[in-house]
C-alpha atoms as a PDB file:
ATOM      1  CA  MET A   1      47.158 -32.937  45.358  1.00  0.00           C
ATOM      2  CA  GLU A   2      49.860 -31.194  47.321  1.00  0.00           C
ATOM      3  CA  THR A   3      53.131 -30.134  45.759  1.00  0.00           C
ATOM      4  CA  ASN A   4      56.133 -28.376  47.157  1.00  0.00           C
ATOM      5  CA  MET A   5      58.039 -25.294  46.118  1.00  0.00           C
ATOM      6  CA  LYS A   6      60.638 -27.456  44.387  1.00  0.00           C
ATOM      7  CA  GLY A   7      57.969 -28.701  41.964  1.00  0.00           C
ATOM      8  CA  LEU A   8      56.714 -25.185  41.327  1.00  0.00           C
ATOM      9  CA  TYR A   9      60.240 -23.966  40.589  1.00  0.00           C
ATOM     10  CA  ALA A  10      60.842 -26.940  38.279  1.00  0.00           C
ATOM     11  CA  LEU A  11      57.714 -26.131  36.259  1.00  0.00           C
ATOM     12  CA  ARG A  12      58.642 -22.458  36.107  1.00  0.00           C
ATOM     13  CA  LYS A  13      62.144 -23.361  34.929  1.00  0.00           C
ATOM     14  CA  LEU A  14      60.655 -25.573  32.214  1.00  0.00           C
ATOM     15  CA  ARG A  15      58.469 -22.683  31.025  1.00  0.00           C
ATOM     16  CA  GLN A  16      61.460 -20.335  31.029  1.00  0.00           C
ATOM     17  CA  GLU A  17      63.451 -22.785  28.904  1.00  0.00           C
ATOM     18  CA  LEU A  18      60.548 -23.129  26.470  1.00  0.00           C
ATOM     19  CA  GLN A  19      60.200 -19.342  26.400  1.00  0.00           C
ATOM     20  CA  ASP A  20      63.901 -18.902  25.655  1.00  0.00           C
ATOM     21  CA  ASP A  21      63.647 -21.421  22.811  1.00  0.00           C
ATOM     22  CA  ALA A  22      60.561 -19.683  21.393  1.00  0.00           C
ATOM     23  CA  GLY A  23      62.244 -16.272  21.458  1.00  0.00           C
ATOM     24  CA  LEU A  24      60.160 -13.416  20.108  1.00  0.00           C
ATOM     25  CA  GLU A  25      57.401 -15.830  19.085  1.00  0.00           C
ATOM     26  CA  PHE A  26      56.573 -16.578  22.735  1.00  0.00           C
ATOM     27  CA  PRO A  27      53.932 -17.612  23.697  1.00  0.00           C
ATOM     28  CA  GLN A  28      52.286 -18.399  20.345  1.00  0.00           C
ATOM     29  CA  ALA A  29      55.175 -20.633  19.245  1.00  0.00           C
ATOM     30  CA  ILE A  30      54.674 -22.911  22.235  1.00  0.00           C
ATOM     31  CA  HIS A  31      50.879 -22.790  22.362  1.00  0.00           C
ATOM     32  CA  THR A  32      50.425 -26.513  23.076  1.00  0.00           C
ATOM     33  CA  GLU A  33      53.150 -26.584  25.711  1.00  0.00           C
ATOM     34  CA  MET A  34      51.588 -23.607  27.493  1.00  0.00           C
ATOM     35  CA  LEU A  35      48.218 -25.354  27.552  1.00  0.00           C
ATOM     36  CA  VAL A  36      49.850 -28.468  29.011  1.00  0.00           C
ATOM     37  CA  LEU A  37      51.613 -26.410  31.687  1.00  0.00           C
ATOM     38  CA  TYR A  38      48.291 -24.770  32.528  1.00  0.00           C
ATOM     39  CA  ASP A  39      46.615 -28.182  32.806  1.00  0.00           C
ATOM     40  CA  VAL A  40      49.421 -29.456  35.048  1.00  0.00           C
ATOM     41  CA  CYS A  41      48.965 -26.429  37.307  1.00  0.00           C
ATOM     42  CA  LYS A  42      45.246 -27.115  37.531  1.00  0.00           C
ATOM     43  CA  CYS A  43      45.796 -30.834  38.243  1.00  0.00           C
ATOM     44  CA  LEU A  44      48.192 -29.910  41.050  1.00  0.00           C
ATOM     45  CA  ASP A  45      45.548 -27.554  42.486  1.00  0.00           C
ATOM     46  CA  PHE A  46      47.838 -24.542  42.189  1.00  0.00           C
ATOM     47  CA  ASN A  47      46.276 -21.276  43.222  1.00  0.00           C
ATOM     48  CA  LEU A  48      46.173 -18.212  40.974  1.00  0.00           C
ATOM     49  CA  PHE A  49      49.540 -16.919  42.153  1.00  0.00           C
ATOM     50  CA  GLN A  50      51.261 -20.264  41.695  1.00  0.00           C
ATOM     51  CA  CYS A  51      49.820 -20.628  38.174  1.00  0.00           C
ATOM     52  CA  LYS A  52      51.032 -17.148  37.296  1.00  0.00           C
ATOM     53  CA  ALA A  53      54.473 -18.000  38.691  1.00  0.00           C
ATOM     54  CA  VAL A  54      54.689 -21.067  36.460  1.00  0.00           C
ATOM     55  CA  LEU A  55      53.257 -19.525  33.277  1.00  0.00           C
ATOM     56  CA  GLY A  56      54.734 -16.054  33.683  1.00  0.00           C
ATOM     57  CA  GLU A  57      52.701 -12.882  33.300  1.00  0.00           C
ATOM     58  CA  ILE A  58      52.634 -12.964  29.488  1.00  0.00           C
ATOM     59  CA  GLY A  59      51.859 -16.681  29.414  1.00  0.00           C
ATOM     60  CA  TRP A  60      49.116 -16.275  31.996  1.00  0.00           C
ATOM     61  CA  ARG A  61      47.409 -13.539  29.963  1.00  0.00           C
ATOM     62  CA  TYR A  62      47.837 -15.546  26.746  1.00  0.00           C
ATOM     63  CA  ILE A  63      46.251 -18.696  28.195  1.00  0.00           C
ATOM     64  CA  ASN A  64      43.364 -16.825  29.783  1.00  0.00           C
ATOM     65  CA  SER A  65      42.578 -14.919  26.598  1.00  0.00           C
ATOM     66  CA  TYR A  66      42.729 -18.185  24.634  1.00  0.00           C
ATOM     67  CA  LEU A  67      40.386 -19.920  27.062  1.00  0.00           C
ATOM     68  CA  ALA A  68      37.929 -17.015  26.802  1.00  0.00           C
ATOM     69  CA  MET A  69      37.734 -17.282  22.996  1.00  0.00           C
ATOM     70  CA  PRO A  70      34.707 -18.860  21.324  1.00  0.00           C
ATOM     71  CA  ILE A  71      35.315 -22.413  20.137  1.00  0.00           C
ATOM     72  CA  THR A  72      34.974 -21.442  16.468  1.00  0.00           C
ATOM     73  CA  THR A  73      37.835 -18.961  16.847  1.00  0.00           C
ATOM     74  CA  LYS A  74      39.983 -21.628  18.514  1.00  0.00           C
ATOM     75  CA  GLU A  75      39.296 -24.020  15.633  1.00  0.00           C
ATOM     76  CA  ARG A  76      40.510 -21.421  13.136  1.00  0.00           C
ATOM     77  CA  LEU A  77      43.705 -20.898  15.155  1.00  0.00           C
ATOM     78  CA  VAL A  78      44.426 -24.615  15.184  1.00  0.00           C
ATOM     79  CA  GLN A  79      43.929 -24.868  11.409  1.00  0.00           C
ATOM     80  CA  GLN A  80      46.504 -22.153  10.715  1.00  0.00           C
END
């Protein structure tokens, strides 16, 4: 699926608003929203640089470290 720069900027703006609302608890406070943004990026076939632009550097590292975790660790995080 092809998207334009306007869509990329809209997603990045959404992440920035979520980040502002989360404050110092970013990105953990908006864990689910970050995963959804990541999934949207993947569905739109964004490349690495576009995904990083949407999620931000901290968000990008957070999502990638989460995805690299073993499933049992993820289950414990969800239960907390």
